[in-house]
Structures are given as C-alpha cells and as structure tokens.
Amino acid sequence: MNTIQYLTDPAVRGLFWPGVIAALAIALLSAPLSVLVVLKRLAFIGQGISHAAFGGIGLAAVLGLTARLGASGLTAAPMHGIPQFLLVTGFCVAAGLAVGVVADRRVAKEDTAIGVVLVASMALGAILLNVAPTGLAWESFLFGSITLVSPTDAATAWLITLAVLAALFLLRRPLLFWAFDEVGAIARGISAPAMRTALLILISLATVVAMKLAGVVLATALLVLPGATALALSRRWGVVLALSIAAALAGVVGGLVLSFEAEWPTGASIVVVLTALLGAARGFSVLRARGQRAAHPQSP
C-alpha cells in the first residue's frame, strides 16, 4: 500500500508526515467553525477570504517576501516562510474584518460584501504581482500540497488551531446564542457586531491554515462540509459538535489515504470524501424521517 510506504519509508516519510500532522490540526480547527458557518449561512466566506489571499501574496511579492525559483528549479529564498505567512494571514484577517464592517453598517448584505472584498483583493493581487520582480514562486502558497508542508508549517498549524479552539471555548456561550438566535442574543445584551467580528477573524485564520494543505480553491470545503454533515444528523449542540469533528477527521484521513493510493491531489481527495460523507448523512436523514412517519402515520 502506498500509504504505509509513504509514512514508513525513511527515504520519503519526511515529505509526508508534516502534511499529515498539519491535516489533523486543520480537521480539528475546521470542525467547530464549520457548524457556525453553516448556521449563519456564511458558506461563501471561506471562498472569499481564501481568494483574498491573492492580494496578500501580491503585497508579499512587492516587499520581497515571496520565494524565487533558482536556476536548479528549486525554491530558494531566505525570507520565504514565516514572514510571508504572517503577511498573508494579516491580509486575510483584514479582508474578513472588511466584510464584517460592510455588513454591520448595512452598506450591503454579507454575500455582497464578500463578493466585493473577493474581487477587490484579487484585482489588487494581480496588479501587485504584475509590478513585482519576475520568477517568483507564489503559487505554492495558493495551491497547497501535502509535500510542501514543512515541520514549521505543521507546528504553526497546531499553534493556530489551539489558539482558535481556546477562543471558541471562551466565547462559546455568547457565540452559540448569537449563532442559533441572533434576535434573542441581541435582546439579552450580546453584541452581534462583536460576535460577527470574532467569528470572521477565526474563520480567516482557519482559511489561511487550510490553504497550505488543501489549496485556495478547496479550503472552503473544510469550513462547510463537516458542519453540514453534522447538522443533517442532529440539532443538539453537543452531538452536532462531536459529529462535525468526526466528519472532519474522517474526511481528512480518508482523503489522505485516497490521495496516497490513487495519486490524486490532496485537497480534491479530501473534498471527495467529505462530500460522500455529507451525501451519506443526507440519505440517512431522509430514511430516518420516512421511518418516523411510517411509525407515526397520524403525526402532523
């Protein structure tokens, strides 16, 4: 099996284990946020923020923080890595906050605000990359691969995961109240703009981390499919959270195995497994509803 070989062979395991470790962090990071994203109908936010990273990459290129391709074809840049990651992360967080500001001030609805930030960020990135020096290897950040994840990337993923989970734990009561019943939360004195801002910041951080493994296009799936799968099976918060975590872990692990065995792109393989889990959950939910109606034919 390719999976066993890739993870145990001393010649190649160093290429894959950092990606596997980072993938597990991304699963735990995405699962609770995914439930909130689905409840607040922010499925498009991950796509918008991930594409906003293009603007951050353009800014990094102009500042000389993006890797260059050397004559040997290998990436060689002493400043590539953490500085670029921090800059892109900051840009994506700013993009998420911009969406919140536009939505809070009633300038436009959230989906419109996301679209505006998306296209504006991508346009800025295209202009900056056009004026930046040539020969830059910026694609590696936007179209992530498991073999491009370094031990530093894996450690960074886990640090951000722990920080986000800690923030979610501290904000769990007002954030859940706002997510399930925004009108009631406002009546109880909970600030909707503050909750929206906090959620957008956490989603931005999760999106940037997911991009490194799954790529800019597929990062959104990790913030939508686990929560949608869990909510198809239950409405009890504890059960939904557990199911979302289980779905995210199963999707990531199953996707990695599928990627290794079939030699498919990592991000696409993860999304295929997550989509299959959602389809199975929806099918089970339909069958369960039919069984309940059959058992209680007189129920409304």
C-alpha atoms as a PDB file:
ATOM      1  CA  MET A   1       0.000   0.000   0.000  1.00  0.00           C
ATOM      2  CA  ASN A   2       1.285   3.440  -0.905  1.00  0.00           C
ATOM      3  CA  THR A   3       0.043   4.908   2.372  1.00  0.00           C
ATOM      4  CA  ILE A   4       2.174   2.588   4.510  1.00  0.00           C
ATOM      5  CA  GLN A   5       5.183   3.073   2.249  1.00  0.00           C
ATOM      6  CA  TYR A   6       4.935   6.865   2.233  1.00  0.00           C
ATOM      7  CA  LEU A   7       4.578   7.072   6.009  1.00  0.00           C
ATOM      8  CA  THR A   8       7.200   4.471   6.971  1.00  0.00           C
ATOM      9  CA  ASP A   9       9.894   4.577   4.287  1.00  0.00           C
ATOM     10  CA  PRO A  10      12.808   6.632   5.701  1.00  0.00           C
ATOM     11  CA  ALA A  11      13.545   7.993   2.227  1.00  0.00           C
ATOM     12  CA  VAL A  12      10.170   9.721   1.777  1.00  0.00           C
ATOM     13  CA  ARG A  13       8.315   9.838   5.088  1.00  0.00           C
ATOM     14  CA  GLY A  14       9.853  13.219   5.919  1.00  0.00           C
ATOM     15  CA  LEU A  15       7.946  14.671   2.954  1.00  0.00           C
ATOM     16  CA  PHE A  16       4.545  13.403   4.101  1.00  0.00           C
ATOM     17  CA  TRP A  17       4.420  13.341   7.902  1.00  0.00           C
ATOM     18  CA  PRO A  18       4.396  17.143   8.362  1.00  0.00           C
ATOM     19  CA  GLY A  19       1.419  17.326   5.985  1.00  0.00           C
ATOM     20  CA  VAL A  20      -0.421  14.567   7.844  1.00  0.00           C
ATOM     21  CA  ILE A  21       0.172  16.280  11.189  1.00  0.00           C
ATOM     22  CA  ALA A  22      -0.991  19.609   9.762  1.00  0.00           C
ATOM     23  CA  ALA A  23      -4.049  17.929   8.230  1.00  0.00           C
ATOM     24  CA  LEU A  24      -5.167  16.629  11.623  1.00  0.00           C
ATOM     25  CA  ALA A  25      -4.823  20.138  13.055  1.00  0.00           C
ATOM     26  CA  ILE A  26      -6.880  21.560  10.184  1.00  0.00           C
ATOM     27  CA  ALA A  27      -9.628  18.982  10.786  1.00  0.00           C
ATOM     28  CA  LEU A  28      -9.903  19.909  14.463  1.00  0.00           C
ATOM     29  CA  LEU A  29      -9.733  23.596  13.583  1.00  0.00           C
ATOM     30  CA  SER A  30     -12.406  23.468  10.878  1.00  0.00           C
ATOM     31  CA  ALA A  31     -14.969  21.238  12.587  1.00  0.00           C
ATOM     32  CA  PRO A  32     -16.452  23.618  15.218  1.00  0.00           C
ATOM     33  CA  LEU A  33     -16.165  26.642  12.926  1.00  0.00           C
ATOM     34  CA  SER A  34     -17.951  24.712  10.181  1.00  0.00           C
ATOM     35  CA  VAL A  35     -21.077  24.373  12.321  1.00  0.00           C
ATOM     36  CA  LEU A  36     -21.170  28.132  12.934  1.00  0.00           C
ATOM     37  CA  VAL A  37     -20.519  28.870   9.251  1.00  0.00           C
ATOM     38  CA  VAL A  38     -23.470  26.705   8.195  1.00  0.00           C
ATOM     39  CA  LEU A  39     -25.783  28.095  10.881  1.00  0.00           C
ATOM     40  CA  LYS A  40     -25.018  31.711   9.914  1.00  0.00           C
ATOM     41  CA  ARG A  41     -25.142  30.920   6.181  1.00  0.00           C
ATOM     42  CA  LEU A  42     -21.580  32.078   5.624  1.00  0.00           C
ATOM     43  CA  ALA A  43     -20.572  29.260   3.310  1.00  0.00           C
ATOM     44  CA  PHE A  44     -19.158  31.744   0.805  1.00  0.00           C
ATOM     45  CA  ILE A  45     -16.932  33.453   3.381  1.00  0.00           C
ATOM     46  CA  GLY A  46     -14.161  30.851   3.174  1.00  0.00           C
ATOM     47  CA  GLN A  47     -14.067  31.212  -0.591  1.00  0.00           C
ATOM     48  CA  GLY A  48     -13.922  34.993  -0.325  1.00  0.00           C
ATOM     49  CA  ILE A  49     -11.176  35.066   2.297  1.00  0.00           C
ATOM     50  CA  SER A  50      -9.110  32.379   0.566  1.00  0.00           C
ATOM     51  CA  HIS A  51      -9.219  34.321  -2.690  1.00  0.00           C
ATOM     52  CA  ALA A  52      -8.353  37.490  -0.772  1.00  0.00           C
ATOM     53  CA  ALA A  53      -5.027  35.793  -0.023  1.00  0.00           C
ATOM     54  CA  PHE A  54      -4.107  36.586  -3.619  1.00  0.00           C
ATOM     55  CA  GLY A  55      -3.881  40.231  -2.597  1.00  0.00           C
ATOM     56  CA  GLY A  56      -1.648  39.307   0.339  1.00  0.00           C
ATOM     57  CA  ILE A  57       0.612  37.306  -1.961  1.00  0.00           C
ATOM     58  CA  GLY A  58       0.899  40.326  -4.273  1.00  0.00           C
ATOM     59  CA  LEU A  59       1.864  42.521  -1.333  1.00  0.00           C
ATOM     60  CA  ALA A  60       4.438  39.959  -0.178  1.00  0.00           C
ATOM     61  CA  ALA A  61       5.888  39.826  -3.688  1.00  0.00           C
ATOM     62  CA  VAL A  62       6.324  43.607  -3.850  1.00  0.00           C
ATOM     63  CA  LEU A  63       8.002  43.583  -0.417  1.00  0.00           C
ATOM     64  CA  GLY A  64      10.356  40.771  -1.462  1.00  0.00           C
ATOM     65  CA  LEU A  65       8.950  38.159   0.922  1.00  0.00           C
ATOM     66  CA  THR A  66       7.942  35.654  -1.760  1.00  0.00           C
ATOM     67  CA  ALA A  67      10.221  32.790  -2.769  1.00  0.00           C
ATOM     68  CA  ARG A  68      12.165  32.811  -6.005  1.00  0.00           C
ATOM     69  CA  LEU A  69      12.877  29.943  -8.345  1.00  0.00           C
ATOM     70  CA  GLY A  70      16.608  29.354  -8.655  1.00  0.00           C
ATOM     71  CA  ALA A  71      18.475  28.048 -11.676  1.00  0.00           C
ATOM     72  CA  SER A  72      18.189  24.490 -10.366  1.00  0.00           C
ATOM     73  CA  GLY A  73      14.414  24.779 -10.292  1.00  0.00           C
ATOM     74  CA  LEU A  74      14.289  24.651  -6.517  1.00  0.00           C
ATOM     75  CA  THR A  75      12.740  27.344  -4.413  1.00  0.00           C
ATOM     76  CA  ALA A  76      15.423  29.416  -2.751  1.00  0.00           C
ATOM     77  CA  ALA A  77      14.633  32.437  -0.636  1.00  0.00           C
ATOM     78  CA  PRO A  78      15.940  33.057   2.879  1.00  0.00           C
ATOM     79  CA  MET A  79      12.951  35.224   3.795  1.00  0.00           C
ATOM     80  CA  HIS A  80      10.332  32.829   2.427  1.00  0.00           C
ATOM     81  CA  GLY A  81       8.155  31.140   5.052  1.00  0.00           C
ATOM     82  CA  ILE A  82       7.035  32.769   8.275  1.00  0.00           C
ATOM     83  CA  PRO A  83       7.148  36.439   7.095  1.00  0.00           C
ATOM     84  CA  GLN A  84       5.053  35.654   4.032  1.00  0.00           C
ATOM     85  CA  PHE A  85       2.635  33.546   6.066  1.00  0.00           C
ATOM     86  CA  LEU A  86       2.167  36.289   8.650  1.00  0.00           C
ATOM     87  CA  LEU A  87       1.642  38.927   5.969  1.00  0.00           C
ATOM     88  CA  VAL A  88      -0.925  36.852   4.072  1.00  0.00           C
ATOM     89  CA  THR A  89      -2.646  35.934   7.343  1.00  0.00           C
ATOM     90  CA  GLY A  90      -2.886  39.602   8.310  1.00  0.00           C
ATOM     91  CA  PHE A  91      -4.262  40.481   4.885  1.00  0.00           C
ATOM     92  CA  CYS A  92      -6.903  37.746   5.084  1.00  0.00           C
ATOM     93  CA  VAL A  93      -7.947  38.815   8.598  1.00  0.00           C
ATOM     94  CA  ALA A  94      -8.254  42.391   7.343  1.00  0.00           C
ATOM     95  CA  ALA A  95     -10.404  41.133   4.451  1.00  0.00           C
ATOM     96  CA  GLY A  96     -12.647  39.267   6.890  1.00  0.00           C
ATOM     97  CA  LEU A  97     -12.988  42.359   9.071  1.00  0.00           C
ATOM     98  CA  ALA A  98     -13.834  44.434   5.996  1.00  0.00           C
ATOM     99  CA  VAL A  99     -16.697  42.060   5.257  1.00  0.00           C
ATOM    100  CA  GLY A 100     -17.957  42.477   8.815  1.00  0.00           C
ATOM    101  CA  VAL A 101     -17.746  46.270   8.695  1.00  0.00           C
ATOM    102  CA  VAL A 102     -19.648  46.468   5.415  1.00  0.00           C
ATOM    103  CA  ALA A 103     -22.339  44.098   6.694  1.00  0.00           C
ATOM    104  CA  ASP A 104     -22.670  45.810  10.091  1.00  0.00           C
ATOM    105  CA  ARG A 105     -23.127  49.246   8.562  1.00  0.00           C
ATOM    106  CA  ARG A 106     -25.859  47.937   6.253  1.00  0.00           C
ATOM    107  CA  VAL A 107     -23.912  49.102   3.206  1.00  0.00           C
ATOM    108  CA  ALA A 108     -24.546  45.682   1.658  1.00  0.00           C
ATOM    109  CA  LYS A 109     -25.589  42.205   2.707  1.00  0.00           C
ATOM    110  CA  GLU A 110     -22.909  39.743   3.748  1.00  0.00           C
ATOM    111  CA  ASP A 111     -22.859  37.831   0.456  1.00  0.00           C
ATOM    112  CA  THR A 112     -22.440  41.093  -1.481  1.00  0.00           C
ATOM    113  CA  ALA A 113     -19.720  42.280   0.909  1.00  0.00           C
ATOM    114  CA  ILE A 114     -17.854  39.007   0.466  1.00  0.00           C
ATOM    115  CA  GLY A 115     -18.029  39.323  -3.308  1.00  0.00           C
ATOM    116  CA  VAL A 116     -16.755  42.905  -3.231  1.00  0.00           C
ATOM    117  CA  VAL A 117     -13.809  42.047  -0.966  1.00  0.00           C
ATOM    118  CA  LEU A 118     -13.012  38.961  -3.072  1.00  0.00           C
ATOM    119  CA  VAL A 119     -12.782  40.728  -6.425  1.00  0.00           C
ATOM    120  CA  ALA A 120     -11.059  43.803  -4.984  1.00  0.00           C
ATOM    121  CA  SER A 121      -8.391  41.667  -3.287  1.00  0.00           C
ATOM    122  CA  MET A 122      -7.788  39.578  -6.389  1.00  0.00           C
ATOM    123  CA  ALA A 123      -7.523  42.698  -8.552  1.00  0.00           C
ATOM    124  CA  LEU A 124      -5.012  44.208  -6.120  1.00  0.00           C
ATOM    125  CA  GLY A 125      -3.013  40.979  -6.116  1.00  0.00           C
ATOM    126  CA  ALA A 126      -2.928  40.831  -9.918  1.00  0.00           C
ATOM    127  CA  ILE A 127      -1.672  44.427 -10.138  1.00  0.00           C
ATOM    128  CA  LEU A 128       0.985  43.938  -7.461  1.00  0.00           C
ATOM    129  CA  LEU A 129       2.244  40.698  -8.995  1.00  0.00           C
ATOM    130  CA  ASN A 130       2.456  42.446 -12.351  1.00  0.00           C
ATOM    131  CA  VAL A 131       4.809  45.108 -10.960  1.00  0.00           C
ATOM    132  CA  ALA A 132       6.770  42.710  -8.721  1.00  0.00           C
ATOM    133  CA  PRO A 133      10.021  41.068  -9.880  1.00  0.00           C
ATOM    134  CA  THR A 134       9.631  38.056 -12.159  1.00  0.00           C
ATOM    135  CA  GLY A 135      10.469  34.468 -11.271  1.00  0.00           C
ATOM    136  CA  LEU A 136       8.509  34.327  -8.029  1.00  0.00           C
ATOM    137  CA  ALA A 137       7.163  31.035  -6.669  1.00  0.00           C
ATOM    138  CA  TRP A 138       3.954  32.409  -5.141  1.00  0.00           C
ATOM    139  CA  GLU A 139       1.781  29.560  -6.488  1.00  0.00           C
ATOM    140  CA  SER A 140       2.995  27.200  -3.756  1.00  0.00           C
ATOM    141  CA  PHE A 141       1.099  29.219  -1.133  1.00  0.00           C
ATOM    142  CA  LEU A 142      -2.201  29.432  -3.001  1.00  0.00           C
ATOM    143  CA  PHE A 143      -2.253  25.849  -4.322  1.00  0.00           C
ATOM    144  CA  GLY A 144      -1.012  23.869  -1.360  1.00  0.00           C
ATOM    145  CA  SER A 145       0.257  20.314  -1.417  1.00  0.00           C
ATOM    146  CA  ILE A 146       0.993  17.863   1.354  1.00  0.00           C
ATOM    147  CA  THR A 147       4.594  17.503   0.167  1.00  0.00           C
ATOM    148  CA  LEU A 148       5.111  21.268   0.516  1.00  0.00           C
ATOM    149  CA  VAL A 149       4.147  21.333   4.215  1.00  0.00           C
ATOM    150  CA  SER A 150       7.245  21.733   6.376  1.00  0.00           C
ATOM    151  CA  PRO A 151       7.627  20.851  10.061  1.00  0.00           C
ATOM    152  CA  THR A 152       7.417  24.591  10.767  1.00  0.00           C
ATOM    153  CA  ASP A 153       4.119  24.763   8.853  1.00  0.00           C
ATOM    154  CA  ALA A 154       2.775  21.814  10.845  1.00  0.00           C
ATOM    155  CA  ALA A 155       3.785  23.419  14.155  1.00  0.00           C
ATOM    156  CA  THR A 156       2.237  26.723  13.068  1.00  0.00           C
ATOM    157  CA  ALA A 157      -0.993  24.912  12.134  1.00  0.00           C
ATOM    158  CA  TRP A 158      -1.223  23.352  15.576  1.00  0.00           C
ATOM    159  CA  LEU A 159      -0.443  26.630  17.357  1.00  0.00           C
ATOM    160  CA  ILE A 160      -3.184  28.439  15.442  1.00  0.00           C
ATOM    161  CA  THR A 161      -5.564  25.520  15.996  1.00  0.00           C
ATOM    162  CA  LEU A 162      -5.029  25.597  19.755  1.00  0.00           C
ATOM    163  CA  ALA A 163      -5.418  29.387  19.821  1.00  0.00           C
ATOM    164  CA  VAL A 164      -8.663  29.281  17.815  1.00  0.00           C
ATOM    165  CA  LEU A 165     -10.099  26.443  19.899  1.00  0.00           C
ATOM    166  CA  ALA A 166      -9.231  28.347  23.080  1.00  0.00           C
ATOM    167  CA  ALA A 167     -11.001  31.440  21.730  1.00  0.00           C
ATOM    168  CA  LEU A 168     -14.043  29.369  20.785  1.00  0.00           C
ATOM    169  CA  PHE A 169     -14.146  27.873  24.271  1.00  0.00           C
ATOM    170  CA  LEU A 170     -14.007  31.299  25.924  1.00  0.00           C
ATOM    171  CA  LEU A 171     -16.690  32.712  23.602  1.00  0.00           C
ATOM    172  CA  ARG A 172     -18.812  29.569  23.396  1.00  0.00           C
ATOM    173  CA  ARG A 173     -21.891  30.843  25.261  1.00  0.00           C
ATOM    174  CA  PRO A 174     -22.456  34.228  23.563  1.00  0.00           C
ATOM    175  CA  LEU A 175     -21.251  32.901  20.205  1.00  0.00           C
ATOM    176  CA  LEU A 176     -23.640  29.931  20.233  1.00  0.00           C
ATOM    177  CA  PHE A 177     -26.522  32.057  21.470  1.00  0.00           C
ATOM    178  CA  TRP A 178     -25.890  34.521  18.628  1.00  0.00           C
ATOM    179  CA  ALA A 179     -25.493  31.730  16.055  1.00  0.00           C
ATOM    180  CA  PHE A 180     -28.756  29.981  16.964  1.00  0.00           C
ATOM    181  CA  ASP A 181     -30.881  33.029  17.821  1.00  0.00           C
ATOM    182  CA  GLU A 182     -29.409  36.407  16.832  1.00  0.00           C
ATOM    183  CA  VAL A 183     -32.526  38.389  17.760  1.00  0.00           C
ATOM    184  CA  GLY A 184     -32.731  36.782  21.192  1.00  0.00           C
ATOM    185  CA  ALA A 185     -28.991  37.262  21.744  1.00  0.00           C
ATOM    186  CA  ILE A 186     -29.244  40.985  20.976  1.00  0.00           C
ATOM    187  CA  ALA A 187     -32.192  41.279  23.366  1.00  0.00           C
ATOM    188  CA  ARG A 188     -30.013  39.724  26.091  1.00  0.00           C
ATOM    189  CA  GLY A 189     -27.286  42.313  25.541  1.00  0.00           C
ATOM    190  CA  ILE A 190     -24.940  40.301  23.339  1.00  0.00           C
ATOM    191  CA  SER A 191     -23.252  42.442  20.696  1.00  0.00           C
ATOM    192  CA  ALA A 192     -23.967  40.975  17.255  1.00  0.00           C
ATOM    193  CA  PRO A 193     -21.171  43.005  15.569  1.00  0.00           C
ATOM    194  CA  ALA A 194     -18.658  41.764  18.157  1.00  0.00           C
ATOM    195  CA  MET A 195     -19.703  38.145  17.642  1.00  0.00           C
ATOM    196  CA  ARG A 196     -19.593  38.531  13.859  1.00  0.00           C
ATOM    197  CA  THR A 197     -16.146  40.109  14.047  1.00  0.00           C
ATOM    198  CA  ALA A 198     -14.816  37.375  16.308  1.00  0.00           C
ATOM    199  CA  LEU A 199     -16.192  34.659  14.034  1.00  0.00           C
ATOM    200  CA  LEU A 200     -14.768  36.304  10.899  1.00  0.00           C
ATOM    201  CA  ILE A 201     -11.316  36.559  12.472  1.00  0.00           C
ATOM    202  CA  LEU A 202     -11.374  32.892  13.485  1.00  0.00           C
ATOM    203  CA  ILE A 203     -12.605  31.842  10.037  1.00  0.00           C
ATOM    204  CA  SER A 204      -9.844  33.906   8.413  1.00  0.00           C
ATOM    205  CA  LEU A 205      -7.178  32.175  10.480  1.00  0.00           C
ATOM    206  CA  ALA A 206      -8.627  28.748   9.694  1.00  0.00           C
ATOM    207  CA  THR A 207      -8.790  29.539   5.977  1.00  0.00           C
ATOM    208  CA  VAL A 208      -5.145  30.567   5.754  1.00  0.00           C
ATOM    209  CA  VAL A 209      -4.016  27.429   7.581  1.00  0.00           C
ATOM    210  CA  ALA A 210      -6.205  25.185   5.385  1.00  0.00           C
ATOM    211  CA  MET A 211      -4.840  26.752   2.195  1.00  0.00           C
ATOM    212  CA  LYS A 212      -1.366  25.414   2.893  1.00  0.00           C
ATOM    213  CA  LEU A 213      -2.635  21.845   2.623  1.00  0.00           C
ATOM    214  CA  ALA A 214      -5.811  21.997   0.566  1.00  0.00           C
ATOM    215  CA  GLY A 215      -5.172  24.998  -1.655  1.00  0.00           C
ATOM    216  CA  VAL A 216      -7.027  28.251  -2.087  1.00  0.00           C
ATOM    217  CA  VAL A 217      -9.921  26.798  -4.082  1.00  0.00           C
ATOM    218  CA  LEU A 218     -10.655  23.854  -1.807  1.00  0.00           C
ATOM    219  CA  ALA A 219     -10.157  25.421   1.619  1.00  0.00           C
ATOM    220  CA  THR A 220     -13.834  26.426   1.686  1.00  0.00           C
ATOM    221  CA  ALA A 221     -14.991  22.821   1.791  1.00  0.00           C
ATOM    222  CA  LEU A 222     -13.355  22.269   5.161  1.00  0.00           C
ATOM    223  CA  LEU A 223     -15.418  25.124   6.593  1.00  0.00           C
ATOM    224  CA  VAL A 224     -18.736  23.890   5.189  1.00  0.00           C
ATOM    225  CA  LEU A 225     -18.991  20.128   4.712  1.00  0.00           C
ATOM    226  CA  PRO A 226     -18.253  18.833   8.264  1.00  0.00           C
ATOM    227  CA  GLY A 227     -20.848  21.160   9.805  1.00  0.00           C
ATOM    228  CA  ALA A 228     -23.414  20.437   7.097  1.00  0.00           C
ATOM    229  CA  THR A 229     -22.907  16.701   7.656  1.00  0.00           C
ATOM    230  CA  ALA A 230     -23.368  17.026  11.413  1.00  0.00           C
ATOM    231  CA  LEU A 231     -26.452  19.253  11.148  1.00  0.00           C
ATOM    232  CA  ALA A 232     -28.043  16.756   8.753  1.00  0.00           C
ATOM    233  CA  LEU A 233     -27.933  14.166  11.535  1.00  0.00           C
ATOM    234  CA  SER A 234     -28.745  16.133  14.705  1.00  0.00           C
ATOM    235  CA  ARG A 235     -29.737  19.522  16.141  1.00  0.00           C
ATOM    236  CA  ARG A 236     -28.352  19.007  19.642  1.00  0.00           C
ATOM    237  CA  TRP A 237     -25.240  21.140  20.056  1.00  0.00           C
ATOM    238  CA  GLY A 238     -23.082  18.529  21.806  1.00  0.00           C
ATOM    239  CA  VAL A 239     -23.960  15.835  19.292  1.00  0.00           C
ATOM    240  CA  VAL A 240     -23.505  18.216  16.346  1.00  0.00           C
ATOM    241  CA  LEU A 241     -20.048  19.248  17.544  1.00  0.00           C
ATOM    242  CA  ALA A 242     -18.944  15.635  18.031  1.00  0.00           C
ATOM    243  CA  LEU A 243     -20.302  14.620  14.624  1.00  0.00           C
ATOM    244  CA  SER A 244     -18.637  17.588  12.929  1.00  0.00           C
ATOM    245  CA  ILE A 245     -15.262  16.694  14.450  1.00  0.00           C
ATOM    246  CA  ALA A 246     -15.733  13.039  13.468  1.00  0.00           C
ATOM    247  CA  ALA A 247     -16.687  14.015   9.910  1.00  0.00           C
ATOM    248  CA  ALA A 248     -13.728  16.383   9.565  1.00  0.00           C
ATOM    249  CA  LEU A 249     -11.247  13.793  10.852  1.00  0.00           C
ATOM    250  CA  ALA A 250     -12.752  11.036   8.700  1.00  0.00           C
ATOM    251  CA  GLY A 251     -12.717  13.295   5.652  1.00  0.00           C
ATOM    252  CA  VAL A 252      -9.119  14.390   6.118  1.00  0.00           C
ATOM    253  CA  VAL A 253      -7.758  10.935   6.983  1.00  0.00           C
ATOM    254  CA  GLY A 254      -9.818   9.238   4.271  1.00  0.00           C
ATOM    255  CA  GLY A 255      -8.817  11.921   1.777  1.00  0.00           C
ATOM    256  CA  LEU A 256      -5.138  11.493   2.580  1.00  0.00           C
ATOM    257  CA  VAL A 257      -5.359   7.728   2.119  1.00  0.00           C
ATOM    258  CA  LEU A 258      -7.253   8.179  -1.157  1.00  0.00           C
ATOM    259  CA  SER A 259      -4.653  10.698  -2.285  1.00  0.00           C
ATOM    260  CA  PHE A 260      -1.786   8.341  -1.492  1.00  0.00           C
ATOM    261  CA  GLU A 261      -3.369   5.266  -3.050  1.00  0.00           C
ATOM    262  CA  ALA A 262      -4.899   6.840  -6.165  1.00  0.00           C
ATOM    263  CA  GLU A 263      -2.220   9.548  -6.511  1.00  0.00           C
ATOM    264  CA  TRP A 264      -4.899  12.238  -6.633  1.00  0.00           C
ATOM    265  CA  PRO A 265      -4.435  15.840  -5.453  1.00  0.00           C
ATOM    266  CA  THR A 266      -4.686  16.006  -1.673  1.00  0.00           C
ATOM    267  CA  GLY A 267      -7.261  18.774  -1.434  1.00  0.00           C
ATOM    268  CA  ALA A 268      -9.526  17.244  -4.062  1.00  0.00           C
ATOM    269  CA  SER A 269      -9.352  13.835  -2.369  1.00  0.00           C
ATOM    270  CA  ILE A 270     -10.343  15.312   0.993  1.00  0.00           C
ATOM    271  CA  VAL A 271     -13.301  17.097  -0.583  1.00  0.00           C
ATOM    272  CA  VAL A 272     -14.441  13.894  -2.352  1.00  0.00           C
ATOM    273  CA  VAL A 273     -14.530  12.009   0.960  1.00  0.00           C
ATOM    274  CA  LEU A 274     -16.228  14.879   2.806  1.00  0.00           C
ATOM    275  CA  THR A 275     -18.847  15.158   0.053  1.00  0.00           C
ATOM    276  CA  ALA A 276     -19.500  11.421   0.225  1.00  0.00           C
ATOM    277  CA  LEU A 277     -19.988  11.690   3.990  1.00  0.00           C
ATOM    278  CA  LEU A 278     -22.454  14.541   3.518  1.00  0.00           C
ATOM    279  CA  GLY A 279     -24.359  12.523   0.909  1.00  0.00           C
ATOM    280  CA  ALA A 280     -24.496   9.535   3.269  1.00  0.00           C
ATOM    281  CA  ALA A 281     -25.702  11.753   6.141  1.00  0.00           C
ATOM    282  CA  ARG A 282     -28.422  13.305   3.974  1.00  0.00           C
ATOM    283  CA  GLY A 283     -29.522   9.888   2.797  1.00  0.00           C
ATOM    284  CA  PHE A 284     -29.659   8.563   6.352  1.00  0.00           C
ATOM    285  CA  SER A 285     -31.637  11.619   7.452  1.00  0.00           C
ATOM    286  CA  VAL A 286     -34.212  11.073   4.697  1.00  0.00           C
ATOM    287  CA  LEU A 287     -34.586   7.387   5.537  1.00  0.00           C
ATOM    288  CA  ARG A 288     -34.922   8.154   9.245  1.00  0.00           C
ATOM    289  CA  ALA A 289     -37.633  10.747   8.553  1.00  0.00           C
ATOM    290  CA  ARG A 290     -39.551   8.264   6.406  1.00  0.00           C
ATOM    291  CA  GLY A 291     -39.266   5.631   9.123  1.00  0.00           C
ATOM    292  CA  GLN A 292     -40.601   8.036  11.730  1.00  0.00           C
ATOM    293  CA  ARG A 293     -43.561   8.971   9.517  1.00  0.00           C
ATOM    294  CA  ALA A 294     -44.299   5.285   8.920  1.00  0.00           C
ATOM    295  CA  ALA A 295     -44.190   4.554  12.639  1.00  0.00           C
ATOM    296  CA  HIS A 296     -46.420   7.526  13.484  1.00  0.00           C
ATOM    297  CA  PRO A 297     -48.732   7.993  10.485  1.00  0.00           C
ATOM    298  CA  GLN A 298     -51.116  10.261  12.414  1.00  0.00           C
ATOM    299  CA  SER A 299     -48.407  12.737  13.463  1.00  0.00           C
ATOM    300  CA  PRO A 300     -48.569  16.163  11.756  1.00  0.00           C
END
